[in-house]
Amino acid sequence: MKQEKYNEVYRNLEKGTINDKTSKAELEAQAETITNIIYDRAYKICREKTDAAYELLGSIKKVITRRTEEMKLTNMDDSRITNKF
């Protein structure tokens, strides 16, 4: 998007030196650059939070699995356990 805006402005400028055209085109494309930076930062923040949430989900699954196994063991019928001594 930024490069397209830059090229469009540069082509439409009829007067001025190459340096003048370049600086005007960069100035016009500056809003696109800032928008891209904002989107990149927002994406990075969202991705980091999503990764942290998945990590937390994995930990919670492990805890639930362990607790379920513990409950199965404690709820086991005493008649199944035999004393071999």
N, C-alpha and C. Protein backbone atom coordinates (compact mmCIF):
# COMPACT_ATOMS: atom_id res chain seq x y z
N MET A 1 0.82 -1.19 0.00
CA MET A 1 0.00 0.00 0.00
C MET A 1 0.87 1.26 0.00
N LYS A 2 1.88 1.25 0.86
CA LYS A 2 2.74 2.43 0.95
C LYS A 2 3.44 2.68 -0.37
N GLN A 3 3.99 1.62 -0.94
CA GLN A 3 4.73 1.76 -2.19
C GLN A 3 3.80 2.20 -3.32
N GLU A 4 2.58 1.69 -3.34
CA GLU A 4 1.61 2.11 -4.36
C GLU A 4 1.30 3.59 -4.25
N LYS A 5 1.08 4.05 -3.02
CA LYS A 5 0.79 5.47 -2.79
C LYS A 5 1.98 6.32 -3.20
N TYR A 6 3.18 5.88 -2.83
CA TYR A 6 4.40 6.59 -3.18
C TYR A 6 4.53 6.72 -4.70
N ASN A 7 4.36 5.59 -5.38
CA ASN A 7 4.49 5.59 -6.85
C ASN A 7 3.44 6.46 -7.51
N GLU A 8 2.22 6.41 -7.01
CA GLU A 8 1.13 7.21 -7.58
C GLU A 8 1.43 8.70 -7.45
N VAL A 9 1.84 9.13 -6.28
CA VAL A 9 2.14 10.55 -6.07
C VAL A 9 3.34 10.96 -6.91
N TYR A 10 4.36 10.12 -6.96
CA TYR A 10 5.57 10.43 -7.72
C TYR A 10 5.27 10.60 -9.20
N ARG A 11 4.43 9.72 -9.74
CA ARG A 11 4.07 9.80 -11.17
C ARG A 11 3.23 11.03 -11.48
N ASN A 12 2.39 11.44 -10.55
CA ASN A 12 1.48 12.56 -10.80
C ASN A 12 2.14 13.92 -10.64
N LEU A 13 3.31 13.97 -10.05
CA LEU A 13 4.03 15.24 -9.92
C LEU A 13 4.70 15.57 -11.25
N GLU A 14 4.36 16.73 -11.81
CA GLU A 14 4.89 17.10 -13.11
C GLU A 14 6.07 18.06 -13.00
N LYS A 15 6.08 18.87 -11.96
CA LYS A 15 7.14 19.87 -11.82
C LYS A 15 8.06 19.52 -10.65
N GLY A 16 9.27 19.97 -10.77
CA GLY A 16 10.22 19.80 -9.68
C GLY A 16 11.34 18.84 -10.04
N THR A 17 12.35 18.89 -9.21
CA THR A 17 13.49 18.00 -9.42
C THR A 17 13.16 16.61 -8.86
N ILE A 18 14.06 15.69 -9.08
CA ILE A 18 13.86 14.33 -8.59
C ILE A 18 13.80 14.34 -7.06
N ASN A 19 14.66 15.14 -6.44
CA ASN A 19 14.65 15.22 -4.98
C ASN A 19 13.33 15.80 -4.46
N ASP A 20 12.81 16.81 -5.16
CA ASP A 20 11.53 17.39 -4.76
C ASP A 20 10.40 16.37 -4.87
N LYS A 21 10.39 15.65 -6.00
CA LYS A 21 9.36 14.63 -6.20
C LYS A 21 9.47 13.52 -5.16
N THR A 22 10.69 13.12 -4.86
CA THR A 22 10.90 12.05 -3.88
C THR A 22 10.42 12.47 -2.51
N SER A 23 10.77 13.68 -2.09
CA SER A 23 10.37 14.13 -0.77
C SER A 23 8.86 14.33 -0.67
N LYS A 24 8.23 14.82 -1.72
CA LYS A 24 6.77 14.99 -1.71
C LYS A 24 6.06 13.63 -1.69
N ALA A 25 6.58 12.69 -2.46
CA ALA A 25 5.98 11.35 -2.50
C ALA A 25 6.13 10.66 -1.15
N GLU A 26 7.30 10.82 -0.51
CA GLU A 26 7.50 10.22 0.82
C GLU A 26 6.59 10.85 1.85
N LEU A 27 6.40 12.14 1.76
CA LEU A 27 5.52 12.83 2.69
C LEU A 27 4.07 12.38 2.53
N GLU A 28 3.63 12.19 1.31
CA GLU A 28 2.26 11.73 1.05
C GLU A 28 2.07 10.27 1.50
N ALA A 29 3.12 9.47 1.38
CA ALA A 29 3.03 8.05 1.74
C ALA A 29 3.27 7.82 3.24
N GLN A 30 3.58 8.86 3.97
CA GLN A 30 3.89 8.75 5.39
C GLN A 30 2.70 8.22 6.20
N ALA A 31 1.50 8.61 5.87
CA ALA A 31 0.31 8.12 6.58
C ALA A 31 0.18 6.61 6.44
N GLU A 32 0.45 6.10 5.23
CA GLU A 32 0.41 4.66 5.01
C GLU A 32 1.48 3.94 5.84
N THR A 33 2.63 4.54 5.93
CA THR A 33 3.73 3.96 6.73
C THR A 33 3.33 3.87 8.19
N ILE A 34 2.76 4.93 8.72
CA ILE A 34 2.34 4.94 10.12
C ILE A 34 1.23 3.92 10.35
N THR A 35 0.30 3.82 9.43
CA THR A 35 -0.77 2.83 9.54
C THR A 35 -0.20 1.41 9.56
N ASN A 36 0.77 1.14 8.70
CA ASN A 36 1.40 -0.19 8.68
C ASN A 36 2.11 -0.50 9.99
N ILE A 37 2.78 0.49 10.55
CA ILE A 37 3.46 0.30 11.83
C ILE A 37 2.46 -0.02 12.93
N ILE A 38 1.35 0.69 12.95
CA ILE A 38 0.31 0.48 13.96
C ILE A 38 -0.27 -0.93 13.83
N TYR A 39 -0.58 -1.34 12.61
CA TYR A 39 -1.12 -2.69 12.40
C TYR A 39 -0.13 -3.77 12.82
N ASP A 40 1.14 -3.58 12.48
CA ASP A 40 2.16 -4.56 12.86
C ASP A 40 2.28 -4.70 14.37
N ARG A 41 2.27 -3.58 15.07
CA ARG A 41 2.36 -3.62 16.53
C ARG A 41 1.13 -4.28 17.14
N ALA A 42 -0.04 -3.92 16.63
CA ALA A 42 -1.27 -4.51 17.15
C ALA A 42 -1.30 -6.02 16.91
N TYR A 43 -0.85 -6.44 15.73
CA TYR A 43 -0.80 -7.87 15.42
C TYR A 43 0.15 -8.59 16.36
N LYS A 44 1.29 -8.00 16.61
CA LYS A 44 2.29 -8.61 17.49
C LYS A 44 1.73 -8.76 18.91
N ILE A 45 1.06 -7.74 19.41
CA ILE A 45 0.47 -7.79 20.75
C ILE A 45 -0.60 -8.88 20.81
N CYS A 46 -1.46 -8.93 19.82
CA CYS A 46 -2.53 -9.95 19.79
C CYS A 46 -1.93 -11.35 19.70
N ARG A 47 -0.91 -11.53 18.88
CA ARG A 47 -0.28 -12.83 18.74
C ARG A 47 0.35 -13.28 20.05
N GLU A 48 1.02 -12.38 20.74
CA GLU A 48 1.64 -12.72 22.03
C GLU A 48 0.59 -13.11 23.06
N LYS A 49 -0.52 -12.37 23.09
CA LYS A 49 -1.58 -12.71 24.04
C LYS A 49 -2.23 -14.03 23.69
N THR A 50 -2.39 -14.30 22.41
CA THR A 50 -2.97 -15.58 21.99
C THR A 50 -2.04 -16.74 22.36
N ASP A 51 -0.76 -16.56 22.13
CA ASP A 51 0.21 -17.60 22.49
C ASP A 51 0.19 -17.86 24.00
N ALA A 52 0.11 -16.80 24.79
CA ALA A 52 0.05 -16.96 26.24
C ALA A 52 -1.23 -17.68 26.66
N ALA A 53 -2.33 -17.37 25.98
CA ALA A 53 -3.61 -18.03 26.30
C ALA A 53 -3.54 -19.52 25.97
N TYR A 54 -2.94 -19.88 24.85
CA TYR A 54 -2.80 -21.30 24.50
C TYR A 54 -1.91 -22.03 25.50
N GLU A 55 -0.86 -21.36 25.97
CA GLU A 55 0.01 -21.95 26.97
C GLU A 55 -0.77 -22.20 28.27
N LEU A 56 -1.56 -21.23 28.67
CA LEU A 56 -2.39 -21.36 29.87
C LEU A 56 -3.40 -22.49 29.69
N LEU A 57 -4.00 -22.58 28.51
CA LEU A 57 -4.96 -23.65 28.23
C LEU A 57 -4.30 -25.02 28.37
N GLY A 58 -3.10 -25.17 27.85
CA GLY A 58 -2.39 -26.43 27.98
C GLY A 58 -2.13 -26.79 29.43
N SER A 59 -1.75 -25.81 30.23
CA SER A 59 -1.51 -26.05 31.66
C SER A 59 -2.78 -26.45 32.38
N ILE A 60 -3.87 -25.79 32.06
CA ILE A 60 -5.15 -26.10 32.69
C ILE A 60 -5.60 -27.51 32.33
N LYS A 61 -5.38 -27.91 31.08
CA LYS A 61 -5.73 -29.27 30.65
C LYS A 61 -4.95 -30.31 31.46
N LYS A 62 -3.66 -30.04 31.68
CA LYS A 62 -2.84 -30.97 32.46
C LYS A 62 -3.35 -31.08 33.89
N VAL A 63 -3.71 -29.94 34.50
CA VAL A 63 -4.21 -29.95 35.88
C VAL A 63 -5.52 -30.72 35.97
N ILE A 64 -6.41 -30.49 35.03
CA ILE A 64 -7.70 -31.18 35.03
C ILE A 64 -7.50 -32.68 34.85
N THR A 65 -6.61 -33.06 33.97
CA THR A 65 -6.34 -34.49 33.75
C THR A 65 -5.80 -35.14 35.03
N ARG A 66 -4.86 -34.49 35.69
CA ARG A 66 -4.31 -35.03 36.94
C ARG A 66 -5.37 -35.16 38.01
N ARG A 67 -6.18 -34.13 38.16
CA ARG A 67 -7.23 -34.18 39.18
C ARG A 67 -8.27 -35.25 38.89
N THR A 68 -8.58 -35.43 37.62
CA THR A 68 -9.52 -36.48 37.23
C THR A 68 -8.95 -37.85 37.57
N GLU A 69 -7.69 -38.05 37.28
CA GLU A 69 -7.05 -39.33 37.60
C GLU A 69 -7.02 -39.55 39.11
N GLU A 70 -6.74 -38.52 39.87
CA GLU A 70 -6.73 -38.64 41.33
C GLU A 70 -8.12 -39.02 41.85
N MET A 71 -9.14 -38.39 41.30
CA MET A 71 -10.51 -38.70 41.72
C MET A 71 -10.88 -40.14 41.38
N LYS A 72 -10.44 -40.61 40.24
CA LYS A 72 -10.71 -42.01 39.86
C LYS A 72 -10.06 -42.96 40.85
N LEU A 73 -8.86 -42.65 41.26
CA LEU A 73 -8.15 -43.50 42.21
C LEU A 73 -8.81 -43.48 43.58
N THR A 74 -9.24 -42.31 44.04
CA THR A 74 -9.85 -42.23 45.37
C THR A 74 -11.26 -42.81 45.39
N ASN A 75 -11.93 -42.78 44.26
CA ASN A 75 -13.29 -43.32 44.19
C ASN A 75 -13.32 -44.80 43.85
N MET A 76 -12.15 -45.37 43.71
CA MET A 76 -12.07 -46.78 43.37
C MET A 76 -12.66 -47.63 44.49
N ASP A 77 -13.32 -48.66 44.12
CA ASP A 77 -13.93 -49.56 45.10
C ASP A 77 -12.85 -50.27 45.91
N ASP A 78 -13.00 -50.27 47.24
CA ASP A 78 -12.00 -50.88 48.11
C ASP A 78 -11.91 -52.39 47.91
N SER A 79 -12.95 -53.00 47.41
CA SER A 79 -12.92 -54.45 47.23
C SER A 79 -11.97 -54.85 46.09
N ARG A 80 -11.63 -53.97 45.23
CA ARG A 80 -10.71 -54.29 44.14
C ARG A 80 -9.27 -54.36 44.63
N ILE A 81 -9.00 -53.67 45.71
CA ILE A 81 -7.65 -53.65 46.24
C ILE A 81 -7.49 -54.81 47.23
N THR A 82 -6.51 -55.63 47.00
CA THR A 82 -6.29 -56.78 47.88
C THR A 82 -4.99 -56.60 48.63
N ASN A 83 -4.97 -57.11 49.81
CA ASN A 83 -3.77 -57.02 50.63
C ASN A 83 -2.98 -58.30 50.42
N LYS A 84 -1.78 -58.17 49.91
CA LYS A 84 -0.96 -59.34 49.59
C LYS A 84 0.01 -59.69 50.71
N PHE A 85 -0.09 -59.11 51.84
CA PHE A 85 0.84 -59.43 52.95
C PHE A 85 0.36 -60.55 53.74
